Amino acid sequence: MTKAPNKPAKSESDTKSSAVRSLEKEERDKANREEALDEGLADTFPASDPVSVTEPSVPGRPDKKDK
């Protein structure tokens, strides 16, 4: 009688569904955003203008239209 080779144990991340992994990623991202906001508030205190977490966009020129 031959033994079947030992299978490596599944890690916790292998057993989680994609929905659970997505939720965990969102929670980490939220924590990172909150940390960035807290750091920004601490770096600018006291100040009269509120801190913006988003970066301003840079307008670009319109695409050239082929005529």
N, C-alpha and C. Protein backbone atom coordinates (compact mmCIF):
# COMPACT_ATOMS: atom_id res chain seq x y z
N MET A 1 0.84 -1.17 0.00
CA MET A 1 0.00 0.00 0.00
C MET A 1 0.89 1.24 0.00
N THR A 2 0.63 2.15 -0.94
CA THR A 2 1.43 3.38 -1.02
C THR A 2 0.65 4.53 -0.41
N LYS A 3 1.40 5.39 0.22
CA LYS A 3 0.77 6.56 0.84
C LYS A 3 0.70 7.70 -0.16
N ALA A 4 -0.37 8.47 -0.04
CA ALA A 4 -0.49 9.66 -0.87
C ALA A 4 0.46 10.72 -0.34
N PRO A 5 1.08 11.49 -1.22
CA PRO A 5 2.00 12.53 -0.74
C PRO A 5 1.25 13.53 0.13
N ASN A 6 1.96 14.03 1.12
CA ASN A 6 1.34 15.03 2.01
C ASN A 6 1.08 16.31 1.26
N LYS A 7 -0.13 16.80 1.38
CA LYS A 7 -0.47 18.08 0.75
C LYS A 7 -0.15 19.19 1.73
N PRO A 8 0.39 20.29 1.25
CA PRO A 8 0.64 21.39 2.17
C PRO A 8 -0.68 21.94 2.69
N ALA A 9 -0.68 22.34 3.93
CA ALA A 9 -1.90 22.89 4.53
C ALA A 9 -2.25 24.20 3.83
N LYS A 10 -3.54 24.41 3.65
CA LYS A 10 -4.00 25.65 3.02
C LYS A 10 -3.77 26.80 3.98
N SER A 11 -3.26 27.88 3.43
CA SER A 11 -3.08 29.06 4.28
C SER A 11 -4.43 29.74 4.44
N GLU A 12 -4.50 30.64 5.40
CA GLU A 12 -5.77 31.32 5.68
C GLU A 12 -6.24 32.11 4.46
N SER A 13 -5.29 32.70 3.71
CA SER A 13 -5.69 33.49 2.54
C SER A 13 -6.25 32.62 1.43
N ASP A 14 -5.86 31.33 1.39
CA ASP A 14 -6.39 30.42 0.38
C ASP A 14 -7.84 30.07 0.66
N THR A 15 -8.24 30.10 1.93
CA THR A 15 -9.59 29.68 2.28
C THR A 15 -10.58 30.84 2.29
N LYS A 16 -10.10 32.07 2.17
CA LYS A 16 -11.00 33.24 2.18
C LYS A 16 -11.59 33.44 0.79
N SER A 17 -12.83 33.86 0.77
CA SER A 17 -13.48 34.14 -0.51
C SER A 17 -12.97 35.48 -1.04
N SER A 18 -13.21 35.72 -2.31
CA SER A 18 -12.77 36.99 -2.90
C SER A 18 -13.51 38.17 -2.26
N ALA A 19 -14.73 37.96 -1.82
CA ALA A 19 -15.49 39.04 -1.16
C ALA A 19 -14.84 39.41 0.17
N VAL A 20 -14.39 38.42 0.92
CA VAL A 20 -13.74 38.68 2.20
C VAL A 20 -12.41 39.39 1.97
N ARG A 21 -11.64 38.93 0.98
CA ARG A 21 -10.36 39.59 0.68
C ARG A 21 -10.59 41.03 0.23
N SER A 22 -11.63 41.27 -0.56
CA SER A 22 -11.95 42.61 -1.01
C SER A 22 -12.33 43.52 0.15
N LEU A 23 -13.15 43.00 1.07
CA LEU A 23 -13.55 43.77 2.24
C LEU A 23 -12.33 44.11 3.10
N GLU A 24 -11.45 43.15 3.29
CA GLU A 24 -10.25 43.41 4.08
C GLU A 24 -9.37 44.46 3.43
N LYS A 25 -9.27 44.43 2.10
CA LYS A 25 -8.48 45.44 1.37
C LYS A 25 -9.11 46.82 1.55
N GLU A 26 -10.43 46.91 1.43
CA GLU A 26 -11.12 48.19 1.62
C GLU A 26 -10.89 48.74 3.03
N GLU A 27 -10.92 47.85 4.02
CA GLU A 27 -10.70 48.29 5.40
C GLU A 27 -9.27 48.80 5.59
N ARG A 28 -8.29 48.12 4.97
CA ARG A 28 -6.90 48.59 5.05
C ARG A 28 -6.76 49.93 4.35
N ASP A 29 -7.39 50.07 3.17
CA ASP A 29 -7.31 51.33 2.42
C ASP A 29 -7.94 52.47 3.22
N LYS A 30 -9.07 52.21 3.86
CA LYS A 30 -9.74 53.23 4.67
C LYS A 30 -8.84 53.65 5.83
N ALA A 31 -8.22 52.68 6.47
CA ALA A 31 -7.32 53.00 7.59
C ALA A 31 -6.15 53.84 7.10
N ASN A 32 -5.62 53.52 5.91
CA ASN A 32 -4.51 54.30 5.34
C ASN A 32 -4.94 55.72 5.02
N ARG A 33 -6.16 55.89 4.48
CA ARG A 33 -6.66 57.23 4.18
C ARG A 33 -6.83 58.05 5.46
N GLU A 34 -7.40 57.40 6.48
CA GLU A 34 -7.61 58.10 7.75
C GLU A 34 -6.27 58.49 8.37
N GLU A 35 -5.28 57.62 8.26
CA GLU A 35 -3.95 57.92 8.79
C GLU A 35 -3.34 59.10 8.03
N ALA A 36 -3.50 59.13 6.71
CA ALA A 36 -2.98 60.23 5.90
C ALA A 36 -3.68 61.54 6.26
N LEU A 37 -4.98 61.49 6.50
CA LEU A 37 -5.72 62.68 6.88
C LEU A 37 -5.26 63.17 8.25
N ASP A 38 -5.12 62.27 9.21
CA ASP A 38 -4.64 62.65 10.53
C ASP A 38 -3.25 63.28 10.46
N GLU A 39 -2.38 62.69 9.64
CA GLU A 39 -1.03 63.23 9.49
C GLU A 39 -1.09 64.62 8.86
N GLY A 40 -1.93 64.77 7.85
CA GLY A 40 -2.08 66.07 7.21
C GLY A 40 -2.62 67.12 8.16
N LEU A 41 -3.57 66.74 8.99
CA LEU A 41 -4.11 67.67 9.98
C LEU A 41 -3.04 68.09 10.98
N ALA A 42 -2.26 67.12 11.43
CA ALA A 42 -1.20 67.42 12.40
C ALA A 42 -0.13 68.31 11.78
N ASP A 43 0.20 68.10 10.51
CA ASP A 43 1.24 68.87 9.84
C ASP A 43 0.81 70.30 9.55
N THR A 44 -0.48 70.55 9.45
CA THR A 44 -0.95 71.89 9.08
C THR A 44 -1.58 72.64 10.23
N PHE A 45 -1.64 72.06 11.41
CA PHE A 45 -2.30 72.72 12.53
C PHE A 45 -1.36 73.75 13.13
N PRO A 46 -1.76 74.91 13.52
CA PRO A 46 -3.05 75.52 13.25
C PRO A 46 -3.04 76.17 11.85
N ALA A 47 -4.13 76.09 11.20
CA ALA A 47 -4.25 76.66 9.86
C ALA A 47 -5.70 77.06 9.61
N SER A 48 -5.87 77.94 8.65
CA SER A 48 -7.22 78.40 8.38
C SER A 48 -7.91 77.57 7.30
N ASP A 49 -7.14 76.90 6.47
CA ASP A 49 -7.72 76.12 5.38
C ASP A 49 -7.82 74.65 5.78
N PRO A 50 -8.93 73.98 5.44
CA PRO A 50 -9.05 72.56 5.75
C PRO A 50 -8.11 71.73 4.89
N VAL A 51 -7.75 70.58 5.38
CA VAL A 51 -6.86 69.67 4.66
C VAL A 51 -7.66 68.92 3.61
N SER A 52 -7.06 68.74 2.45
CA SER A 52 -7.68 67.96 1.38
C SER A 52 -6.88 66.67 1.22
N VAL A 53 -7.57 65.54 1.28
CA VAL A 53 -6.90 64.25 1.14
C VAL A 53 -6.62 63.96 -0.33
N THR A 54 -7.45 64.47 -1.22
CA THR A 54 -7.27 64.19 -2.64
C THR A 54 -6.26 65.15 -3.24
N GLU A 55 -5.60 64.69 -4.28
CA GLU A 55 -4.64 65.53 -4.97
C GLU A 55 -5.38 66.29 -6.07
N PRO A 56 -5.04 67.56 -6.27
CA PRO A 56 -5.71 68.31 -7.33
C PRO A 56 -5.35 67.72 -8.70
N SER A 57 -6.28 67.77 -9.61
CA SER A 57 -6.00 67.27 -10.94
C SER A 57 -5.40 68.39 -11.78
N VAL A 58 -4.61 68.00 -12.75
CA VAL A 58 -3.98 68.96 -13.63
C VAL A 58 -4.70 68.88 -14.97
N PRO A 59 -5.32 70.00 -15.37
CA PRO A 59 -6.03 69.96 -16.65
C PRO A 59 -5.04 69.81 -17.80
N GLY A 60 -5.44 69.04 -18.76
CA GLY A 60 -4.59 68.84 -19.93
C GLY A 60 -5.21 69.53 -21.12
N ARG A 61 -4.44 69.60 -22.16
CA ARG A 61 -4.98 70.22 -23.37
C ARG A 61 -5.92 69.24 -24.05
N PRO A 62 -6.85 69.75 -24.81
CA PRO A 62 -7.78 68.86 -25.52
C PRO A 62 -7.03 68.04 -26.57
N ASP A 63 -7.55 66.87 -26.87
CA ASP A 63 -6.95 66.03 -27.90
C ASP A 63 -7.05 66.73 -29.24
N LYS A 64 -6.03 66.52 -30.06
CA LYS A 64 -6.07 67.09 -31.42
C LYS A 64 -7.03 66.26 -32.25
N LYS A 65 -7.87 66.94 -32.97
CA LYS A 65 -8.82 66.26 -33.83
C LYS A 65 -8.25 66.19 -35.24
N ASP A 66 -8.31 65.00 -35.83
CA ASP A 66 -7.82 64.83 -37.20
C ASP A 66 -8.89 65.38 -38.15
N LYS A 67 -8.45 66.20 -39.07
CA LYS A 67 -9.39 66.77 -40.04
C LYS A 67 -9.11 66.27 -41.41
